[in-house]
Amino acid sequence: MEFLELDHASRRLGLSSSELISHMISYESGLRVYLDCSKGLTRSGTSLWIGRQIKDGVEGITWALPGKPTPLTSHSMEDLRGRLADHESGLNLLKGLEVLIKTNLGPNVKDKIGPNGETLQDEQGRFLTEPLDEEELLAQSIPYDITVRFTGELHNTLHRPPNPSLLVLKKDLDLLDEWIRQNENPNAPPGEGILRDPSYRQGEREKIDFSKFFLNFPTKHRKPHTHFLATIDLRKNKGPLAWSQFREIVKKNKGINYLEMKGFPPVYLKLDREQPLDLVWYKFEPFEGSTDKGHGLIKRVNFLNAYYLAKKS
């Protein structure tokens, strides 16, 4: 992933840093600033900077910050905007900001089963195990988010590393640039910006009659992910790969451009703001703002379950 320093990213768009963050917060999918503590690393690859894990708003145990750029929480995005507007700088600007570390919990091995379905044991009577494959790992993993507050503390070190940096993804900046230009020129032709909806015709959006959706389409499926699975070759696409392909479609859709699948009604899809790797919202008409939850939610685990059921049928 390619990043830009927050100051440099702001100058590229002719904005102050606080104005840039305001636009990032207002953007449909809630873009994030990243805290990068990688300029000083321990031998294990974590940062020399440490923080405190936050549970229910209370500081807990000491936690090593990641040695790679990590997104701020939505609350810290608001906090950072205010600090920048007040012209705070240096380490004082960063202290108290919180990052969201995403991880997964769950087993990574399973009992080894014999040809007759029995659990195998070794000569000492200990159960034998074998690693879970990629599909099993993904199906049994439990997403777990860890919030860590940057406190400005360091591991014991003779040399103080440079202050952490605030970064913006270049691809996010490109999206934001297009979004701002479209807002400044709402009469731009369809298809020339990420806010333009291909269902616009002569300046008005076509309304879809939801009650007639499935009367007019021959599909037996009522959810976009189950219909999607029916259109791909499951023998060539493992569950995690199929989910990745589906998410790529959603990322392009953004809840703004409707998706057309043969035999299925036009549907709008968008990634969840807080859990974009695991949750997808869908709606059979355009979403109305970032808080619109649409007509339904697709969870990664439900997608994988549907995949396994479709593969068995």
Protein backbone atom coordinates (compact mmCIF):
# COMPACT_ATOMS: atom_id res chain seq x y z
CA MET A 1 0.00 0.00 0.00
CA GLU A 2 1.26 3.46 -0.89
CA PHE A 3 0.98 6.17 1.76
CA LEU A 4 1.50 9.92 1.84
CA GLU A 5 2.33 12.10 4.83
CA LEU A 6 -0.81 13.89 6.07
CA ASP A 7 0.72 17.35 5.49
CA HIS A 8 1.77 16.45 1.96
CA ALA A 9 -1.63 14.91 1.18
CA SER A 10 -3.37 18.08 2.40
CA ARG A 11 -1.21 20.33 0.23
CA ARG A 12 -1.95 18.19 -2.84
CA LEU A 13 -5.64 19.02 -2.47
CA GLY A 14 -5.05 22.62 -1.44
CA LEU A 15 -6.54 22.03 2.01
CA SER A 16 -5.42 22.35 5.59
CA SER A 17 -4.90 19.06 7.42
CA SER A 18 -8.01 19.59 9.54
CA GLU A 19 -10.08 20.31 6.39
CA LEU A 20 -8.77 17.15 4.75
CA ILE A 21 -9.78 15.07 7.78
CA SER A 22 -13.25 16.69 7.73
CA HIS A 23 -13.69 15.49 4.16
CA MET A 24 -12.38 12.03 5.05
CA ILE A 25 -14.93 11.75 7.88
CA SER A 26 -17.75 12.91 5.58
CA TYR A 27 -16.87 10.48 2.81
CA GLU A 28 -19.31 7.59 2.37
CA SER A 29 -17.07 4.80 3.68
CA GLY A 30 -15.35 6.89 6.36
CA LEU A 31 -11.71 7.11 5.25
CA ARG A 32 -9.02 6.87 7.93
CA VAL A 33 -5.70 8.45 8.83
CA TYR A 34 -2.98 5.93 9.81
CA LEU A 35 -0.54 6.19 12.70
CA ASP A 36 2.87 4.89 11.63
CA CYS A 37 5.23 3.89 14.46
CA SER A 38 7.64 1.94 12.24
CA LYS A 39 10.62 4.33 12.42
CA GLY A 40 11.94 2.50 15.48
CA LEU A 41 11.43 -1.27 15.78
CA THR A 42 12.29 -3.97 18.29
CA ARG A 43 13.94 -7.21 17.19
CA SER A 44 10.52 -8.86 17.13
CA GLY A 45 9.26 -6.29 14.61
CA THR A 46 6.96 -4.33 16.91
CA SER A 47 7.48 -0.61 17.48
CA LEU A 48 9.63 0.86 20.23
CA TRP A 49 6.61 3.03 20.98
CA ILE A 50 4.10 1.46 23.38
CA GLY A 51 0.55 2.31 24.37
CA ARG A 52 -2.31 1.10 26.52
CA GLN A 53 -5.08 -1.26 25.52
CA ILE A 54 -8.50 0.36 25.91
CA LYS A 55 -11.47 -1.65 27.19
CA ASP A 56 -14.80 0.05 27.79
CA GLY A 57 -13.05 3.40 27.62
CA VAL A 58 -10.56 2.53 30.38
CA GLU A 59 -6.78 2.16 29.96
CA GLY A 60 -5.58 -1.36 30.62
CA ILE A 61 -2.40 -3.31 30.03
CA THR A 62 0.66 -2.02 28.19
CA TRP A 63 0.55 -2.92 24.49
CA ALA A 64 3.29 -2.69 21.86
CA LEU A 65 2.20 -0.64 18.88
CA PRO A 66 2.44 -2.36 15.47
CA GLY A 67 5.48 -1.85 13.31
CA LYS A 68 3.32 -0.81 10.37
CA PRO A 69 0.74 1.93 9.63
CA THR A 70 -2.44 1.31 11.65
CA PRO A 71 -5.80 3.12 11.20
CA LEU A 72 -7.15 5.52 13.81
CA THR A 73 -10.52 4.83 15.38
CA SER A 74 -13.47 6.96 14.24
CA HIS A 75 -13.42 8.75 17.60
CA SER A 76 -9.73 9.63 17.16
CA MET A 77 -10.41 10.96 13.65
CA GLU A 78 -12.72 13.54 15.22
CA ASP A 79 -10.20 14.17 17.98
CA LEU A 80 -7.35 14.67 15.50
CA ARG A 81 -9.41 17.13 13.44
CA GLY A 82 -9.95 19.28 16.51
CA ARG A 83 -6.30 19.15 17.57
CA LEU A 84 -5.12 20.19 14.12
CA ALA A 85 -7.64 23.05 14.05
CA ASP A 86 -6.12 24.17 17.38
CA HIS A 87 -2.65 24.03 15.77
CA GLU A 88 -1.27 21.33 18.07
CA SER A 89 1.91 19.66 16.82
CA GLY A 90 4.70 17.28 17.72
CA LEU A 91 4.20 14.52 20.24
CA ASN A 92 1.35 16.43 21.92
CA LEU A 93 -0.64 16.09 18.71
CA LEU A 94 -0.34 12.30 18.85
CA LYS A 95 -0.69 11.51 22.55
CA GLY A 96 -4.10 10.04 23.32
CA LEU A 97 -4.93 9.04 19.74
CA GLU A 98 -6.27 5.49 19.47
CA VAL A 99 -5.62 2.92 16.76
CA LEU A 100 -7.68 -0.11 15.80
CA ILE A 101 -5.74 -3.38 15.52
CA LYS A 102 -7.70 -6.12 13.77
CA THR A 103 -6.90 -9.75 14.51
CA ASN A 104 -8.59 -13.15 14.55
CA LEU A 105 -9.08 -15.65 17.34
CA GLY A 106 -9.73 -19.35 16.90
CA PRO A 107 -8.06 -22.76 16.59
CA ASN A 108 -5.35 -23.47 14.05
CA VAL A 109 -5.29 -27.29 14.37
CA LYS A 110 -7.88 -30.07 14.43
CA ASP A 111 -7.99 -33.67 15.58
CA LYS A 112 -6.62 -36.12 13.06
CA ILE A 113 -9.37 -38.50 11.94
CA GLY A 114 -8.82 -42.07 10.78
CA PRO A 115 -10.44 -43.79 7.79
CA ASN A 116 -13.34 -45.01 9.91
CA GLY A 117 -14.04 -41.64 11.49
CA GLU A 118 -12.14 -42.38 14.71
CA THR A 119 -9.87 -39.83 16.43
CA LEU A 120 -6.26 -41.00 16.07
CA GLN A 121 -3.82 -41.19 18.99
CA ASP A 122 -0.08 -41.77 19.30
CA GLU A 123 1.62 -44.56 21.31
CA GLN A 124 1.31 -42.55 24.53
CA GLY A 125 -2.43 -42.06 24.04
CA ARG A 126 -2.16 -38.41 23.04
CA PHE A 127 -4.55 -37.21 20.38
CA LEU A 128 -2.95 -36.48 17.03
CA THR A 129 -3.64 -33.16 15.34
CA GLU A 130 -3.14 -31.62 11.92
CA PRO A 131 -3.22 -28.00 10.70
CA LEU A 132 -6.47 -26.45 9.52
CA ASP A 133 -6.49 -25.55 5.84
CA GLU A 134 -7.11 -21.98 4.68
CA GLU A 135 -10.87 -22.40 4.31
CA GLU A 136 -11.23 -24.00 7.75
CA LEU A 137 -9.10 -21.29 9.37
CA LEU A 138 -11.25 -18.57 7.86
CA ALA A 139 -14.53 -20.31 8.70
CA GLN A 140 -13.59 -20.86 12.36
CA SER A 141 -11.80 -17.57 12.99
CA ILE A 142 -13.46 -15.00 15.20
CA PRO A 143 -12.70 -11.36 14.26
CA TYR A 144 -11.40 -9.46 17.27
CA ASP A 145 -10.58 -5.76 17.40
CA ILE A 146 -8.06 -4.31 19.85
CA THR A 147 -8.04 -0.58 20.57
CA VAL A 148 -4.69 0.81 21.70
CA ARG A 149 -4.12 4.38 22.90
CA PHE A 150 -0.82 6.03 21.99
CA THR A 151 0.69 7.37 25.22
CA GLY A 152 4.11 8.54 24.04
CA GLU A 153 5.86 5.90 26.16
CA LEU A 154 8.86 3.91 24.92
CA HIS A 155 10.45 0.55 25.54
CA ASN A 156 13.77 0.85 27.33
CA THR A 157 16.08 2.22 24.67
CA LEU A 158 19.25 4.29 24.55
CA HIS A 159 18.16 6.11 21.41
CA ARG A 160 14.81 7.85 21.11
CA PRO A 161 13.24 7.07 17.71
CA PRO A 162 11.64 9.78 15.55
CA ASN A 163 8.05 10.71 16.35
CA PRO A 164 5.41 8.53 14.68
CA SER A 165 3.94 9.83 11.42
CA LEU A 166 0.36 10.46 10.33
CA LEU A 167 -0.29 8.95 6.90
CA VAL A 168 -3.05 8.81 4.30
CA LEU A 169 -3.48 6.05 1.73
CA LYS A 170 -2.79 7.41 -1.76
CA LYS A 171 -5.76 5.54 -3.20
CA ASP A 172 -8.01 7.13 -0.55
CA LEU A 173 -6.66 10.56 -1.48
CA ASP A 174 -7.45 9.92 -5.15
CA LEU A 175 -11.01 8.90 -4.23
CA LEU A 176 -11.40 11.99 -2.07
CA ASP A 177 -10.07 14.28 -4.78
CA GLU A 178 -12.67 12.97 -7.22
CA TRP A 179 -15.42 13.17 -4.60
CA ILE A 180 -14.62 16.80 -3.76
CA ARG A 181 -14.57 17.78 -7.45
CA GLN A 182 -17.93 16.12 -8.02
CA ASN A 183 -19.42 17.96 -5.06
CA GLU A 184 -18.11 21.23 -6.43
CA ASN A 185 -19.66 20.46 -9.83
CA PRO A 186 -22.89 18.49 -9.25
CA ASN A 187 -23.93 18.98 -12.90
CA ALA A 188 -21.04 16.87 -14.15
CA PRO A 189 -22.13 14.13 -16.60
CA PRO A 190 -22.86 10.66 -15.17
CA GLY A 191 -19.88 8.36 -14.76
CA GLU A 192 -17.31 11.11 -14.20
CA GLY A 193 -16.99 10.76 -10.45
CA ILE A 194 -17.50 8.36 -7.62
CA LEU A 195 -20.72 10.07 -6.52
CA ARG A 196 -22.39 9.74 -9.88
CA ASP A 197 -24.99 7.01 -9.99
CA PRO A 198 -25.35 5.15 -13.33
CA SER A 199 -29.10 4.99 -12.74
CA TYR A 200 -29.32 8.77 -13.26
CA ARG A 201 -31.28 9.63 -16.39
CA GLN A 202 -31.82 13.23 -17.49
CA GLY A 203 -30.79 14.48 -14.05
CA GLU A 204 -33.16 12.20 -12.12
CA ARG A 205 -32.55 8.82 -10.52
CA GLU A 206 -34.72 5.99 -11.74
CA LYS A 207 -36.75 4.48 -8.91
CA ILE A 208 -36.97 0.71 -8.75
CA ASP A 209 -40.22 -0.86 -7.64
CA PHE A 210 -39.00 -3.09 -4.81
CA SER A 211 -42.25 -5.09 -4.66
CA LYS A 212 -41.72 -6.34 -8.21
CA PHE A 213 -38.05 -7.23 -7.96
CA PHE A 214 -38.28 -10.97 -7.72
CA LEU A 215 -41.41 -11.24 -9.84
CA ASN A 216 -39.42 -9.95 -12.77
CA PHE A 217 -36.32 -12.07 -12.23
CA PRO A 218 -36.08 -15.87 -12.48
CA THR A 219 -33.56 -16.35 -9.64
CA LYS A 220 -34.43 -18.62 -6.72
CA HIS A 221 -32.07 -16.61 -4.51
CA ARG A 222 -33.16 -13.61 -2.44
CA LYS A 223 -29.74 -12.35 -1.31
CA PRO A 224 -26.97 -11.05 -3.56
CA HIS A 225 -24.21 -13.25 -2.16
CA THR A 226 -26.12 -16.51 -2.67
CA HIS A 227 -26.92 -15.51 -6.25
CA PHE A 228 -23.27 -14.51 -6.77
CA LEU A 229 -22.13 -17.96 -5.58
CA ALA A 230 -24.52 -19.55 -8.08
CA THR A 231 -22.79 -17.68 -10.93
CA ILE A 232 -19.18 -18.76 -10.26
CA ASP A 233 -17.39 -22.08 -10.63
CA LEU A 234 -17.04 -23.32 -7.05
CA ARG A 235 -14.57 -26.00 -8.12
CA LYS A 236 -12.08 -23.31 -9.14
CA ASN A 237 -12.80 -20.83 -6.36
CA LYS A 238 -12.22 -21.68 -2.70
CA GLY A 239 -14.35 -19.99 -0.08
CA PRO A 240 -11.85 -17.27 0.97
CA LEU A 241 -11.07 -16.47 -2.67
CA ALA A 242 -14.78 -16.21 -3.50
CA TRP A 243 -15.26 -13.82 -0.56
CA SER A 244 -12.32 -11.71 -1.75
CA GLN A 245 -13.81 -11.55 -5.25
CA PHE A 246 -17.18 -10.53 -3.83
CA ARG A 247 -15.57 -7.81 -1.68
CA GLU A 248 -13.72 -6.43 -4.71
CA ILE A 249 -17.08 -6.02 -6.45
CA VAL A 250 -18.46 -4.28 -3.36
CA LYS A 251 -15.45 -1.93 -3.17
CA LYS A 252 -16.14 -0.79 -6.73
CA ASN A 253 -19.88 -0.53 -6.08
CA LYS A 254 -19.46 1.71 -2.97
CA GLY A 255 -23.20 1.73 -2.34
CA ILE A 256 -23.47 4.26 -5.17
CA ASN A 257 -23.27 2.29 -8.43
CA TYR A 258 -25.71 -0.56 -8.68
CA LEU A 259 -24.51 -4.06 -9.52
CA GLU A 260 -26.17 -6.04 -12.28
CA MET A 261 -25.99 -9.84 -12.11
CA LYS A 262 -27.78 -11.87 -14.73
CA GLY A 263 -31.12 -13.08 -13.38
CA PHE A 264 -30.97 -10.87 -10.25
CA PRO A 265 -32.39 -7.39 -9.55
CA PRO A 266 -30.03 -4.39 -9.56
CA VAL A 267 -28.52 -4.15 -6.08
CA TYR A 268 -26.35 -1.62 -4.24
CA LEU A 269 -23.53 -2.89 -2.02
CA LYS A 270 -21.17 -1.21 0.43
CA LEU A 271 -18.56 -2.26 2.98
CA ASP A 272 -19.25 -1.70 6.66
CA ARG A 273 -17.34 1.32 7.99
CA GLU A 274 -16.09 -0.38 11.16
CA GLN A 275 -15.56 -3.94 9.85
CA PRO A 276 -14.89 -3.62 6.09
CA LEU A 277 -13.14 -7.01 5.93
CA ASP A 278 -16.07 -8.93 7.40
CA LEU A 279 -19.37 -7.13 6.75
CA VAL A 280 -21.23 -6.01 3.61
CA TRP A 281 -24.53 -4.12 3.48
CA TYR A 282 -26.93 -4.40 0.55
CA LYS A 283 -29.96 -2.44 -0.62
CA PHE A 284 -32.22 -2.59 -3.65
CA GLU A 285 -32.12 1.18 -4.06
CA PRO A 286 -29.34 3.74 -3.48
CA PHE A 287 -28.08 4.16 0.07
CA GLU A 288 -28.95 7.47 1.70
CA GLY A 289 -25.85 8.47 3.63
CA SER A 290 -23.29 6.58 5.68
CA THR A 291 -25.78 5.59 8.42
CA ASP A 292 -28.21 3.89 6.01
CA LYS A 293 -28.06 0.13 6.73
CA GLY A 294 -30.07 -0.84 3.66
CA HIS A 295 -32.19 -3.97 3.38
CA GLY A 296 -29.75 -6.50 4.79
CA LEU A 297 -26.30 -7.46 6.07
CA ILE A 298 -23.93 -10.11 4.68
CA LYS A 299 -21.39 -11.43 7.18
CA ARG A 300 -18.22 -13.16 6.02
CA VAL A 301 -19.05 -16.25 8.07
CA ASN A 302 -22.53 -16.44 6.49
CA PHE A 303 -21.00 -16.06 3.04
CA LEU A 304 -18.63 -18.97 3.72
CA ASN A 305 -21.46 -21.11 5.10
CA ALA A 306 -23.47 -20.41 1.95
CA TYR A 307 -20.41 -21.32 -0.09
CA TYR A 308 -20.01 -24.69 1.62
CA LEU A 309 -23.74 -25.45 1.25
CA ALA A 310 -23.68 -24.53 -2.43
CA LYS A 311 -20.59 -26.66 -2.98
CA LYS A 312 -22.25 -29.70 -1.38
CA SER A 313 -25.49 -29.34 -3.36
